[in-house]
């Protein structure tokens, strides 16, 4: 694993694919379709009862760290360089996005939650 991680640094964390795995670039391709569908579903009110559209609707997305980071990259149109400066969120972390000025979503809060198992 040490060799693979060293190779990833040389190749670039966004484009490197672990053996039998996928790269962040692969995830980006999958996330693009999800993001477009999610945006359209929000716009047409699919997540709300008919006739009861409310701009204060809440959604919860649960994901693995890399997928969440790639989702944020796609949503906020970050560059590969910006992506590579970030790390995955810790287990149980929460990121809250809220509608800001002009209807654009802004990341306003990152919470670190810890689960006690035992």
PDB file of N, CA and C in Angstrom:
ATOM      1  N   UNK A   1       0.830  -1.187   0.000  1.00  0.00           N
ATOM      2  CA  UNK A   1       0.000   0.000   0.000  1.00  0.00           C
ATOM      3  C   UNK A   1       0.876   1.254   0.000  1.00  0.00           C
ATOM      4  N   UNK A   2       2.004   1.172   0.686  1.00  0.00           N
ATOM      5  CA  UNK A   2       2.922   2.321   0.730  1.00  0.00           C
ATOM      6  C   UNK A   2       3.382   2.679  -0.688  1.00  0.00           C
ATOM      7  N   UNK A   3       3.713   1.658  -1.490  1.00  0.00           N
ATOM      8  CA  UNK A   3       4.156   1.887  -2.872  1.00  0.00           C
ATOM      9  C   UNK A   3       3.025   2.503  -3.694  1.00  0.00           C
ATOM     10  N   UNK A   4       1.816   1.977  -3.533  1.00  0.00           N
ATOM     11  CA  UNK A   4       0.667   2.505  -4.279  1.00  0.00           C
ATOM     12  C   UNK A   4       0.395   3.970  -3.934  1.00  0.00           C
ATOM     13  N   UNK A   5       0.493   4.312  -2.662  1.00  0.00           N
ATOM     14  CA  UNK A   5       0.263   5.705  -2.250  1.00  0.00           C
ATOM     15  C   UNK A   5       1.360   6.622  -2.781  1.00  0.00           C
ATOM     16  N   UNK A   6       2.581   6.136  -2.838  1.00  0.00           N
ATOM     17  CA  UNK A   6       3.673   6.922  -3.416  1.00  0.00           C
ATOM     18  C   UNK A   6       3.434   7.145  -4.913  1.00  0.00           C
ATOM     19  N   UNK A   7       2.961   6.104  -5.591  1.00  0.00           N
ATOM     20  CA  UNK A   7       2.634   6.231  -7.018  1.00  0.00           C
ATOM     21  C   UNK A   7       1.501   7.232  -7.219  1.00  0.00           C
ATOM     22  N   UNK A   8       0.527   7.211  -6.338  1.00  0.00           N
ATOM     23  CA  UNK A   8      -0.613   8.132  -6.436  1.00  0.00           C
ATOM     24  C   UNK A   8      -0.139   9.582  -6.325  1.00  0.00           C
ATOM     25  N   UNK A   9       0.807   9.838  -5.445  1.00  0.00           N
ATOM     26  CA  UNK A   9       1.335  11.198  -5.289  1.00  0.00           C
ATOM     27  C   UNK A   9       2.049  11.633  -6.564  1.00  0.00           C
ATOM     28  N   UNK A  10       2.830  10.738  -7.147  1.00  0.00           N
ATOM     29  CA  UNK A  10       3.545  11.068  -8.383  1.00  0.00           C
ATOM     30  C   UNK A  10       2.594  11.276  -9.560  1.00  0.00           C
ATOM     31  N   UNK A  11       1.572  10.448  -9.648  1.00  0.00           N
ATOM     32  CA  UNK A  11       0.647  10.467 -10.781  1.00  0.00           C
ATOM     33  C   UNK A  11      -0.401  11.567 -10.635  1.00  0.00           C
ATOM     34  N   UNK A  12      -0.769  11.859  -9.395  1.00  0.00           N
ATOM     35  CA  UNK A  12      -1.824  12.832  -9.104  1.00  0.00           C
ATOM     36  C   UNK A  12      -2.991  12.120  -8.451  1.00  0.00           C
ATOM     37  N   UNK A  13      -3.427  12.625  -7.303  1.00  0.00           N
ATOM     38  CA  UNK A  13      -4.482  11.950  -6.536  1.00  0.00           C
ATOM     39  C   UNK A  13      -5.805  11.886  -7.291  1.00  0.00           C
ATOM     40  N   UNK A  14      -6.079  12.840  -8.153  1.00  0.00           N
ATOM     41  CA  UNK A  14      -7.348  12.843  -8.874  1.00  0.00           C
ATOM     42  C   UNK A  14      -7.389  11.758  -9.952  1.00  0.00           C
ATOM     43  N   UNK A  15      -6.262  11.551 -10.626  1.00  0.00           N
ATOM     44  CA  UNK A  15      -6.243  10.645 -11.773  1.00  0.00           C
ATOM     45  C   UNK A  15      -5.746   9.236 -11.454  1.00  0.00           C
ATOM     46  N   UNK A  16      -5.093   9.032 -10.313  1.00  0.00           N
ATOM     47  CA  UNK A  16      -4.528   7.720 -10.014  1.00  0.00           C
ATOM     48  C   UNK A  16      -5.624   6.716  -9.671  1.00  0.00           C
ATOM     49  N   UNK A  17      -5.497   5.539 -10.248  1.00  0.00           N
ATOM     50  CA  UNK A  17      -6.458   4.456  -9.996  1.00  0.00           C
ATOM     51  C   UNK A  17      -5.729   3.315  -9.301  1.00  0.00           C
ATOM     52  N   UNK A  18      -6.130   2.998  -8.071  1.00  0.00           N
ATOM     53  CA  UNK A  18      -5.573   1.838  -7.386  1.00  0.00           C
ATOM     54  C   UNK A  18      -5.937   0.580  -8.172  1.00  0.00           C
ATOM     55  N   UNK A  19      -5.114  -0.473  -8.103  1.00  0.00           N
ATOM     56  CA  UNK A  19      -5.451  -1.721  -8.800  1.00  0.00           C
ATOM     57  C   UNK A  19      -6.849  -2.208  -8.393  1.00  0.00           C
ATOM     58  N   UNK A  20      -7.635  -2.567  -9.376  1.00  0.00           N
ATOM     59  CA  UNK A  20      -9.010  -3.047  -9.179  1.00  0.00           C
ATOM     60  C   UNK A  20      -9.915  -2.002  -8.519  1.00  0.00           C
ATOM     61  N   UNK A  21      -9.551  -0.752  -8.631  1.00  0.00           N
ATOM     62  CA  UNK A  21     -10.344   0.324  -8.039  1.00  0.00           C
ATOM     63  C   UNK A  21     -10.700   1.351  -9.085  1.00  0.00           C
ATOM     64  N   UNK A  22     -11.087   2.517  -8.605  1.00  0.00           N
ATOM     65  CA  UNK A  22     -11.394   3.597  -9.525  1.00  0.00           C
ATOM     66  C   UNK A  22     -10.731   4.882  -9.035  1.00  0.00           C
ATOM     67  N   UNK A  23     -10.476   5.759  -9.957  1.00  0.00           N
ATOM     68  CA  UNK A  23      -9.856   7.033  -9.627  1.00  0.00           C
ATOM     69  C   UNK A  23     -10.951   8.042  -9.280  1.00  0.00           C
ATOM     70  N   UNK A  24     -10.528   9.160  -8.722  1.00  0.00           N
ATOM     71  CA  UNK A  24     -11.485  10.245  -8.476  1.00  0.00           C
ATOM     72  C   UNK A  24     -12.073  10.720  -9.802  1.00  0.00           C
ATOM     73  N   UNK A  25     -11.292  10.662 -10.885  1.00  0.00           N
ATOM     74  CA  UNK A  25     -11.811  11.033 -12.206  1.00  0.00           C
ATOM     75  C   UNK A  25     -12.948  10.100 -12.624  1.00  0.00           C
ATOM     76  N   UNK A  26     -12.826   8.812 -12.312  1.00  0.00           N
ATOM     77  CA  UNK A  26     -13.914   7.868 -12.604  1.00  0.00           C
ATOM     78  C   UNK A  26     -15.166   8.231 -11.809  1.00  0.00           C
ATOM     79  N   UNK A  27     -14.965   8.542 -10.541  1.00  0.00           N
ATOM     80  CA  UNK A  27     -16.087   8.926  -9.679  1.00  0.00           C
ATOM     81  C   UNK A  27     -16.714  10.217 -10.197  1.00  0.00           C
ATOM     82  N   UNK A  28     -15.893  11.145 -10.657  1.00  0.00           N
ATOM     83  CA  UNK A  28     -16.377  12.415 -11.212  1.00  0.00           C
ATOM     84  C   UNK A  28     -17.361  12.166 -12.354  1.00  0.00           C
ATOM     85  N   UNK A  29     -17.026  11.209 -13.225  1.00  0.00           N
ATOM     86  CA  UNK A  29     -17.928  10.887 -14.333  1.00  0.00           C
ATOM     87  C   UNK A  29     -19.285  10.391 -13.824  1.00  0.00           C
ATOM     88  N   UNK A  30     -19.253   9.535 -12.802  1.00  0.00           N
ATOM     89  CA  UNK A  30     -20.517   9.027 -12.251  1.00  0.00           C
ATOM     90  C   UNK A  30     -21.291  10.129 -11.530  1.00  0.00           C
ATOM     91  N   UNK A  31     -20.586  10.969 -10.795  1.00  0.00           N
ATOM     92  CA  UNK A  31     -21.221  12.039 -10.019  1.00  0.00           C
ATOM     93  C   UNK A  31     -21.887  13.061 -10.933  1.00  0.00           C
ATOM     94  N   UNK A  32     -21.325  13.270 -12.110  1.00  0.00           N
ATOM     95  CA  UNK A  32     -21.888  14.263 -13.026  1.00  0.00           C
ATOM     96  C   UNK A  32     -23.344  13.942 -13.344  1.00  0.00           C
ATOM     97  N   UNK A  33     -23.637  12.691 -13.641  1.00  0.00           N
ATOM     98  CA  UNK A  33     -25.024  12.302 -13.914  1.00  0.00           C
ATOM     99  C   UNK A  33     -25.910  12.470 -12.697  1.00  0.00           C
ATOM    100  N   UNK A  34     -25.399  12.076 -11.542  1.00  0.00           N
ATOM    101  CA  UNK A  34     -26.160  12.226 -10.297  1.00  0.00           C
ATOM    102  C   UNK A  34     -26.457  13.695 -10.016  1.00  0.00           C
ATOM    103  N   UNK A  35     -25.457  14.547 -10.162  1.00  0.00           N
ATOM    104  CA  UNK A  35     -25.627  15.974  -9.896  1.00  0.00           C
ATOM    105  C   UNK A  35     -26.675  16.585 -10.819  1.00  0.00           C
ATOM    106  N   UNK A  36     -26.617  16.234 -12.092  1.00  0.00           N
ATOM    107  CA  UNK A  36     -27.582  16.791 -13.043  1.00  0.00           C
ATOM    108  C   UNK A  36     -29.004  16.338 -12.705  1.00  0.00           C
ATOM    109  N   UNK A  37     -29.164  15.071 -12.364  1.00  0.00           N
ATOM    110  CA  UNK A  37     -30.483  14.561 -11.985  1.00  0.00           C
ATOM    111  C   UNK A  37     -30.960  15.204 -10.685  1.00  0.00           C
ATOM    112  N   UNK A  38     -30.072  15.317  -9.703  1.00  0.00           N
ATOM    113  CA  UNK A  38     -30.431  15.940  -8.431  1.00  0.00           C
ATOM    114  C   UNK A  38     -30.872  17.376  -8.634  1.00  0.00           C
ATOM    115  N   UNK A  39     -30.105  18.129  -9.412  1.00  0.00           N
ATOM    116  CA  UNK A  39     -30.438  19.546  -9.674  1.00  0.00           C
ATOM    117  C   UNK A  39     -31.808  19.655 -10.341  1.00  0.00           C
ATOM    118  N   UNK A  40     -32.071  18.812 -11.328  1.00  0.00           N
ATOM    119  CA  UNK A  40     -33.361  18.837 -12.019  1.00  0.00           C
ATOM    120  C   UNK A  40     -34.488  18.447 -11.063  1.00  0.00           C
ATOM    121  N   UNK A  41     -34.268  17.436 -10.227  1.00  0.00           N
ATOM    122  CA  UNK A  41     -35.289  17.004  -9.272  1.00  0.00           C
ATOM    123  C   UNK A  41     -35.595  18.103  -8.249  1.00  0.00           C
ATOM    124  N   UNK A  42     -34.582  18.829  -7.819  1.00  0.00           N
ATOM    125  CA  UNK A  42     -34.805  19.951  -6.900  1.00  0.00           C
ATOM    126  C   UNK A  42     -35.622  21.025  -7.604  1.00  0.00           C
ATOM    127  N   UNK A  43     -35.243  21.350  -8.832  1.00  0.00           N
ATOM    128  CA  UNK A  43     -35.917  22.419  -9.576  1.00  0.00           C
ATOM    129  C   UNK A  43     -37.388  22.127  -9.835  1.00  0.00           C
ATOM    130  N   UNK A  44     -37.737  20.864 -10.076  1.00  0.00           N
ATOM    131  CA  UNK A  44     -39.141  20.544 -10.368  1.00  0.00           C
ATOM    132  C   UNK A  44     -39.930  20.179  -9.114  1.00  0.00           C
ATOM    133  N   UNK A  45     -39.283  20.166  -7.966  1.00  0.00           N
ATOM    134  CA  UNK A  45     -39.978  19.879  -6.716  1.00  0.00           C
ATOM    135  C   UNK A  45     -40.270  18.419  -6.471  1.00  0.00           C
ATOM    136  N   UNK A  46     -39.482  17.528  -7.048  1.00  0.00           N
ATOM    137  CA  UNK A  46     -39.732  16.086  -6.937  1.00  0.00           C
ATOM    138  C   UNK A  46     -39.693  15.575  -5.497  1.00  0.00           C
ATOM    139  N   UNK A  47     -38.967  16.248  -4.619  1.00  0.00           N
ATOM    140  CA  UNK A  47     -38.818  15.772  -3.245  1.00  0.00           C
ATOM    141  C   UNK A  47     -39.856  16.369  -2.302  1.00  0.00           C
ATOM    142  N   UNK A  48     -40.889  16.987  -2.851  1.00  0.00           N
ATOM    143  CA  UNK A  48     -41.901  17.636  -2.033  1.00  0.00           C
ATOM    144  C   UNK A  48     -43.291  17.182  -2.470  1.00  0.00           C
ATOM    145  N   UNK A  49     -44.252  17.209  -1.550  1.00  0.00           N
ATOM    146  CA  UNK A  49     -45.607  16.819  -1.930  1.00  0.00           C
ATOM    147  C   UNK A  49     -46.166  17.758  -3.003  1.00  0.00           C
ATOM    148  N   UNK A  50     -46.964  17.231  -3.922  1.00  0.00           N
ATOM    149  CA  UNK A  50     -47.557  18.080  -4.973  1.00  0.00           C
ATOM    150  C   UNK A  50     -48.320  19.260  -4.361  1.00  0.00           C
ATOM    151  N   UNK A  51     -48.098  20.428  -4.915  1.00  0.00           N
ATOM    152  CA  UNK A  51     -48.792  21.624  -4.453  1.00  0.00           C
ATOM    153  C   UNK A  51     -48.232  22.227  -3.179  1.00  0.00           C
ATOM    154  N   UNK A  52     -47.172  21.655  -2.638  1.00  0.00           N
ATOM    155  CA  UNK A  52     -46.609  22.154  -1.379  1.00  0.00           C
ATOM    156  C   UNK A  52     -45.127  22.493  -1.524  1.00  0.00           C
ATOM    157  N   UNK A  53     -44.760  23.096  -2.634  1.00  0.00           N
ATOM    158  CA  UNK A  53     -43.349  23.441  -2.846  1.00  0.00           C
ATOM    159  C   UNK A  53     -42.900  24.483  -1.845  1.00  0.00           C
ATOM    160  N   UNK A  54     -41.753  24.233  -1.273  1.00  0.00           N
ATOM    161  CA  UNK A  54     -41.213  25.109  -0.249  1.00  0.00           C
ATOM    162  C   UNK A  54     -39.726  25.314  -0.540  1.00  0.00           C
ATOM    163  N   UNK A  55     -39.272  26.573  -0.623  1.00  0.00           N
ATOM    164  CA  UNK A  55     -37.853  26.798  -0.910  1.00  0.00           C
ATOM    165  C   UNK A  55     -36.929  26.373   0.228  1.00  0.00           C
ATOM    166  N   UNK A  56     -37.485  26.066   1.385  1.00  0.00           N
ATOM    167  CA  UNK A  56     -36.676  25.676   2.544  1.00  0.00           C
ATOM    168  C   UNK A  56     -36.577  24.163   2.715  1.00  0.00           C
ATOM    169  N   UNK A  57     -36.688  23.436   1.625  1.00  0.00           N
ATOM    170  CA  UNK A  57     -36.605  21.984   1.643  1.00  0.00           C
ATOM    171  C   UNK A  57     -35.201  21.539   2.054  1.00  0.00           C
ATOM    172  N   UNK A  58     -35.114  20.433   2.766  1.00  0.00           N
ATOM    173  CA  UNK A  58     -33.844  19.857   3.177  1.00  0.00           C
ATOM    174  C   UNK A  58     -33.649  18.498   2.517  1.00  0.00           C
ATOM    175  N   UNK A  59     -32.400  18.200   2.150  1.00  0.00           N
ATOM    176  CA  UNK A  59     -32.021  16.895   1.632  1.00  0.00           C
ATOM    177  C   UNK A  59     -30.819  16.404   2.414  1.00  0.00           C
ATOM    178  N   UNK A  60     -30.713  15.102   2.564  1.00  0.00           N
ATOM    179  CA  UNK A  60     -29.558  14.500   3.213  1.00  0.00           C
ATOM    180  C   UNK A  60     -28.922  13.547   2.207  1.00  0.00           C
ATOM    181  N   UNK A  61     -27.631  13.714   2.000  1.00  0.00           N
ATOM    182  CA  UNK A  61     -26.872  12.825   1.119  1.00  0.00           C
ATOM    183  C   UNK A  61     -25.825  12.137   1.990  1.00  0.00           C
ATOM    184  N   UNK A  62     -25.832  10.828   1.984  1.00  0.00           N
ATOM    185  CA  UNK A  62     -24.869  10.043   2.760  1.00  0.00           C
ATOM    186  C   UNK A  62     -23.937   9.377   1.762  1.00  0.00           C
ATOM    187  N   UNK A  63     -22.640   9.486   2.023  1.00  0.00           N
ATOM    188  CA  UNK A  63     -21.689   9.003   1.041  1.00  0.00           C
ATOM    189  C   UNK A  63     -20.360   8.653   1.677  1.00  0.00           C
ATOM    190  N   UNK A  64     -19.539   7.948   0.908  1.00  0.00           N
ATOM    191  CA  UNK A  64     -18.154   7.712   1.281  1.00  0.00           C
ATOM    192  C   UNK A  64     -17.372   9.000   1.067  1.00  0.00           C
ATOM    193  N   UNK A  65     -16.197   9.098   1.700  1.00  0.00           N
ATOM    194  CA  UNK A  65     -15.397  10.315   1.672  1.00  0.00           C
ATOM    195  C   UNK A  65     -15.012  10.793   0.284  1.00  0.00           C
ATOM    196  N   UNK A  66     -14.458   9.906  -0.544  1.00  0.00           N
ATOM    197  CA  UNK A  66     -14.034  10.322  -1.874  1.00  0.00           C
ATOM    198  C   UNK A  66     -15.225  10.770  -2.704  1.00  0.00           C
ATOM    199  N   UNK A  67     -16.307  10.024  -2.651  1.00  0.00           N
ATOM    200  CA  UNK A  67     -17.483  10.370  -3.437  1.00  0.00           C
ATOM    201  C   UNK A  67     -18.047  11.721  -3.001  1.00  0.00           C
ATOM    202  N   UNK A  68     -18.072  11.972  -1.712  1.00  0.00           N
ATOM    203  CA  UNK A  68     -18.565  13.269  -1.223  1.00  0.00           C
ATOM    204  C   UNK A  68     -17.651  14.398  -1.683  1.00  0.00           C
ATOM    205  N   UNK A  69     -16.355  14.190  -1.602  1.00  0.00           N
ATOM    206  CA  UNK A  69     -15.412  15.233  -2.025  1.00  0.00           C
ATOM    207  C   UNK A  69     -15.538  15.493  -3.528  1.00  0.00           C
ATOM    208  N   UNK A  70     -15.719  14.449  -4.323  1.00  0.00           N
ATOM    209  CA  UNK A  70     -15.904  14.619  -5.764  1.00  0.00           C
ATOM    210  C   UNK A  70     -17.254  15.289  -6.043  1.00  0.00           C
ATOM    211  N   UNK A  71     -18.290  14.941  -5.277  1.00  0.00           N
ATOM    212  CA  UNK A  71     -19.581  15.613  -5.423  1.00  0.00           C
ATOM    213  C   UNK A  71     -19.423  17.114  -5.200  1.00  0.00           C
ATOM    214  N   UNK A  72     -18.713  17.498  -4.142  1.00  0.00           N
ATOM    215  CA  UNK A  72     -18.494  18.922  -3.860  1.00  0.00           C
ATOM    216  C   UNK A  72     -17.665  19.573  -4.965  1.00  0.00           C
ATOM    217  N   UNK A  73     -16.685  18.845  -5.486  1.00  0.00           N
ATOM    218  CA  UNK A  73     -15.884  19.360  -6.583  1.00  0.00           C
ATOM    219  C   UNK A  73     -16.772  19.670  -7.784  1.00  0.00           C
ATOM    220  N   UNK A  74     -17.654  18.739  -8.096  1.00  0.00           N
ATOM    221  CA  UNK A  74     -18.551  18.913  -9.256  1.00  0.00           C
ATOM    222  C   UNK A  74     -19.558  20.024  -8.998  1.00  0.00           C
ATOM    223  N   UNK A  75     -20.129  20.049  -7.793  1.00  0.00           N
ATOM    224  CA  UNK A  75     -21.159  21.031  -7.460  1.00  0.00           C
ATOM    225  C   UNK A  75     -20.601  22.458  -7.514  1.00  0.00           C
ATOM    226  N   UNK A  76     -19.412  22.633  -6.913  1.00  0.00           N
ATOM    227  CA  UNK A  76     -18.820  23.977  -6.826  1.00  0.00           C
ATOM    228  C   UNK A  76     -17.845  24.288  -7.954  1.00  0.00           C
ATOM    229  N   UNK A  77     -17.701  23.338  -8.891  1.00  0.00           N
ATOM    230  CA  UNK A  77     -16.835  23.526 -10.058  1.00  0.00           C
ATOM    231  C   UNK A  77     -15.381  23.800  -9.661  1.00  0.00           C
ATOM    232  N   UNK A  78     -14.888  23.018  -8.688  1.00  0.00           N
ATOM    233  CA  UNK A  78     -13.495  23.133  -8.282  1.00  0.00           C
ATOM    234  C   UNK A  78     -12.599  22.556  -9.361  1.00  0.00           C
ATOM    235  N   UNK A  79     -11.396  23.038  -9.418  1.00  0.00           N
ATOM    236  CA  UNK A  79     -10.392  22.502 -10.340  1.00  0.00           C
ATOM    237  C   UNK A  79      -9.751  21.257  -9.719  1.00  0.00           C
ATOM    238  N   UNK A  80      -9.003  20.530 -10.531  1.00  0.00           N
ATOM    239  CA  UNK A  80      -8.267  19.371 -10.025  1.00  0.00           C
ATOM    240  C   UNK A  80      -7.284  19.822  -8.948  1.00  0.00           C
ATOM    241  N   UNK A  81      -6.653  20.954  -9.155  1.00  0.00           N
ATOM    242  CA  UNK A  81      -5.696  21.470  -8.170  1.00  0.00           C
ATOM    243  C   UNK A  81      -6.389  21.756  -6.835  1.00  0.00           C
ATOM    244  N   UNK A  82      -7.582  22.347  -6.880  1.00  0.00           N
ATOM    245  CA  UNK A  82      -8.325  22.607  -5.646  1.00  0.00           C
ATOM    246  C   UNK A  82      -8.714  21.295  -4.973  1.00  0.00           C
ATOM    247  N   UNK A  83      -9.165  20.331  -5.760  1.00  0.00           N
ATOM    248  CA  UNK A  83      -9.534  19.014  -5.233  1.00  0.00           C
ATOM    249  C   UNK A  83      -8.350  18.366  -4.520  1.00  0.00           C
ATOM    250  N   UNK A  84      -7.179  18.416  -5.128  1.00  0.00           N
ATOM    251  CA  UNK A  84      -6.020  17.726  -4.583  1.00  0.00           C
ATOM    252  C   UNK A  84      -5.482  18.372  -3.312  1.00  0.00           C
ATOM    253  N   UNK A  85      -5.883  19.591  -3.015  1.00  0.00           N
ATOM    254  CA  UNK A  85      -5.458  20.241  -1.771  1.00  0.00           C
ATOM    255  C   UNK A  85      -6.323  19.826  -0.585  1.00  0.00           C
ATOM    256  N   UNK A  86      -7.424  19.134  -0.847  1.00  0.00           N
ATOM    257  CA  UNK A  86      -8.353  18.739   0.210  1.00  0.00           C
ATOM    258  C   UNK A  86      -8.204  17.268   0.543  1.00  0.00           C
ATOM    259  N   UNK A  87      -8.639  16.909   1.725  1.00  0.00           N
ATOM    260  CA  UNK A  87      -8.690  15.509   2.135  1.00  0.00           C
ATOM    261  C   UNK A  87     -10.144  15.113   2.353  1.00  0.00           C
ATOM    262  N   UNK A  88     -10.375  13.817   2.411  1.00  0.00           N
ATOM    263  CA  UNK A  88     -11.725  13.340   2.701  1.00  0.00           C
ATOM    264  C   UNK A  88     -12.132  13.767   4.101  1.00  0.00           C
ATOM    265  N   UNK A  89     -13.420  13.920   4.299  1.00  0.00           N
ATOM    266  CA  UNK A  89     -13.946  14.208   5.623  1.00  0.00           C
ATOM    267  C   UNK A  89     -13.745  12.980   6.501  1.00  0.00           C
ATOM    268  N   UNK A  90     -13.666  13.182   7.802  1.00  0.00           N
ATOM    269  CA  UNK A  90     -13.541  12.077   8.726  1.00  0.00           C
ATOM    270  C   UNK A  90     -14.847  11.295   8.826  1.00  0.00           C
ATOM    271  N   UNK A  91     -14.769  10.076   9.336  1.00  0.00           N
ATOM    272  CA  UNK A  91     -15.970   9.260   9.525  1.00  0.00           C
ATOM    273  C   UNK A  91     -16.979  10.000  10.389  1.00  0.00           C
ATOM    274  N   UNK A  92     -18.209   9.995   9.970  1.00  0.00           N
ATOM    275  CA  UNK A  92     -19.285  10.615  10.741  1.00  0.00           C
ATOM    276  C   UNK A  92     -19.337  12.125  10.622  1.00  0.00           C
ATOM    277  N   UNK A  93     -18.560  12.730   9.730  1.00  0.00           N
ATOM    278  CA  UNK A  93     -18.582  14.178   9.568  1.00  0.00           C
ATOM    279  C   UNK A  93     -19.817  14.610   8.791  1.00  0.00           C
ATOM    280  N   UNK A  94     -20.212  15.830   9.018  1.00  0.00           N
ATOM    281  CA  UNK A  94     -21.362  16.394   8.313  1.00  0.00           C
ATOM    282  C   UNK A  94     -20.965  17.719   7.693  1.00  0.00           C
ATOM    283  N   UNK A  95     -21.372  17.936   6.469  1.00  0.00           N
ATOM    284  CA  UNK A  95     -21.187  19.214   5.809  1.00  0.00           C
ATOM    285  C   UNK A  95     -22.571  19.759   5.515  1.00  0.00           C
ATOM    286  N   UNK A  96     -22.840  20.970   5.939  1.00  0.00           N
ATOM    287  CA  UNK A  96     -24.141  21.587   5.704  1.00  0.00           C
ATOM    288  C   UNK A  96     -23.992  22.613   4.595  1.00  0.00           C
ATOM    289  N   UNK A  97     -24.797  22.454   3.553  1.00  0.00           N
ATOM    290  CA  UNK A  97     -24.846  23.418   2.450  1.00  0.00           C
ATOM    291  C   UNK A  97     -26.170  24.155   2.559  1.00  0.00           C
ATOM    292  N   UNK A  98     -26.134  25.445   2.336  1.00  0.00           N
ATOM    293  CA  UNK A  98     -27.344  26.252   2.448  1.00  0.00           C
ATOM    294  C   UNK A  98     -27.428  27.172   1.245  1.00  0.00           C
ATOM    295  N   UNK A  99     -28.654  27.501   0.848  1.00  0.00           N
ATOM    296  CA  UNK A  99     -28.838  28.427  -0.249  1.00  0.00           C
ATOM    297  C   UNK A  99     -28.366  29.805   0.192  1.00  0.00           C
ATOM    298  N   UNK A 100     -27.475  30.375  -0.601  1.00  0.00           N
ATOM    299  CA  UNK A 100     -26.938  31.693  -0.298  1.00  0.00           C
ATOM    300  C   UNK A 100     -27.437  32.730  -1.278  1.00  0.00           C
ATOM    301  N   UNK A 101     -26.683  33.795  -1.431  1.00  0.00           N
ATOM    302  CA  UNK A 101     -27.026  34.917  -2.301  1.00  0.00           C
ATOM    303  C   UNK A 101     -27.273  34.437  -3.728  1.00  0.00           C
ATOM    304  N   UNK A 102     -28.356  34.881  -4.316  1.00  0.00           N
ATOM    305  CA  UNK A 102     -28.662  34.526  -5.699  1.00  0.00           C
ATOM    306  C   UNK A 102     -29.084  33.087  -5.897  1.00  0.00           C
ATOM    307  N   UNK A 103     -29.439  32.377  -4.820  1.00  0.00           N
ATOM    308  CA  UNK A 103     -29.888  30.997  -4.940  1.00  0.00           C
ATOM    309  C   UNK A 103     -28.770  29.980  -5.081  1.00  0.00           C
ATOM    310  N   UNK A 104     -27.528  30.431  -4.966  1.00  0.00           N
ATOM    311  CA  UNK A 104     -26.399  29.503  -5.053  1.00  0.00           C
ATOM    312  C   UNK A 104     -26.178  28.838  -3.704  1.00  0.00           C
ATOM    313  N   UNK A 105     -25.758  27.576  -3.745  1.00  0.00           N
ATOM    314  CA  UNK A 105     -25.491  26.844  -2.511  1.00  0.00           C
ATOM    315  C   UNK A 105     -24.095  27.170  -2.003  1.00  0.00           C
ATOM    316  N   UNK A 106     -23.986  27.400  -0.713  1.00  0.00           N
ATOM    317  CA  UNK A 106     -22.700  27.641  -0.085  1.00  0.00           C
ATOM    318  C   UNK A 106     -22.521  26.632   1.038  1.00  0.00           C
ATOM    319  N   UNK A 107     -21.283  26.211   1.253  1.00  0.00           N
ATOM    320  CA  UNK A 107     -20.974  25.323   2.372  1.00  0.00           C
ATOM    321  C   UNK A 107     -20.798  26.217   3.592  1.00  0.00           C
ATOM    322  N   UNK A 108     -21.646  26.006   4.587  1.00  0.00           N
ATOM    323  CA  UNK A 108     -21.608  26.918   5.720  1.00  0.00           C
ATOM    324  C   UNK A 108     -21.059  26.306   6.987  1.00  0.00           C
ATOM    325  N   UNK A 109     -21.031  25.000   7.071  1.00  0.00           N
ATOM    326  CA  UNK A 109     -20.645  24.423   8.347  1.00  0.00           C
ATOM    327  C   UNK A 109     -20.164  22.996   8.156  1.00  0.00           C
ATOM    328  N   UNK A 110     -19.109  22.658   8.829  1.00  0.00           N
ATOM    329  CA  UNK A 110     -18.611  21.282   8.834  1.00  0.00           C
ATOM    330  C   UNK A 110     -18.580  20.817  10.277  1.00  0.00           C
ATOM    331  N   UNK A 111     -19.322  19.759  10.548  1.00  0.00           N
ATOM    332  CA  UNK A 111     -19.395  19.200  11.899  1.00  0.00           C
ATOM    333  C   UNK A 111     -18.670  17.858  11.908  1.00  0.00           C
ATOM    334  N   UNK A 112     -17.953  17.606  12.961  1.00  0.00           N
ATOM    335  CA  UNK A 112     -17.332  16.300  13.133  1.00  0.00           C
ATOM    336  C   UNK A 112     -18.099  15.556  14.201  1.00  0.00           C
ATOM    337  N   UNK A 113     -18.712  14.482  13.818  1.00  0.00           N
ATOM    338  CA  UNK A 113     -19.482  13.645  14.735  1.00  0.00           C
ATOM    339  C   UNK A 113     -18.695  12.367  14.981  1.00  0.00           C
ATOM    340  N   UNK A 114     -18.844  11.844  16.145  1.00  0.00           N
ATOM    341  CA  UNK A 114     -18.157  10.606  16.471  1.00  0.00           C
ATOM    342  C   UNK A 114     -19.165   9.591  16.996  1.00  0.00           C
ATOM    343  N   UNK A 115     -19.082   8.410  16.483  1.00  0.00           N
ATOM    344  CA  UNK A 115     -19.960   7.341  16.934  1.00  0.00           C
ATOM    345  C   UNK A 115     -19.168   6.446  17.896  1.00  0.00           C
ATOM    346  N   UNK A 116     -19.783   6.117  18.991  1.00  0.00           N
ATOM    347  CA  UNK A 116     -19.161   5.189  19.925  1.00  0.00           C
ATOM    348  C   UNK A 116     -19.794   3.836  19.703  1.00  0.00           C
ATOM    349  N   UNK A 117     -18.964   2.873  19.358  1.00  0.00           N
ATOM    350  CA  UNK A 117     -19.437   1.527  19.070  1.00  0.00           C
ATOM    351  C   UNK A 117     -18.920   0.612  20.170  1.00  0.00           C
ATOM    352  N   UNK A 118     -19.826  -0.160  20.731  1.00  0.00           N
ATOM    353  CA  UNK A 118     -19.310  -1.084  21.726  1.00  0.00           C
ATOM    354  C   UNK A 118     -20.306  -1.506  22.723  1.00  0.00           C
TER     355      UNK A 118
END
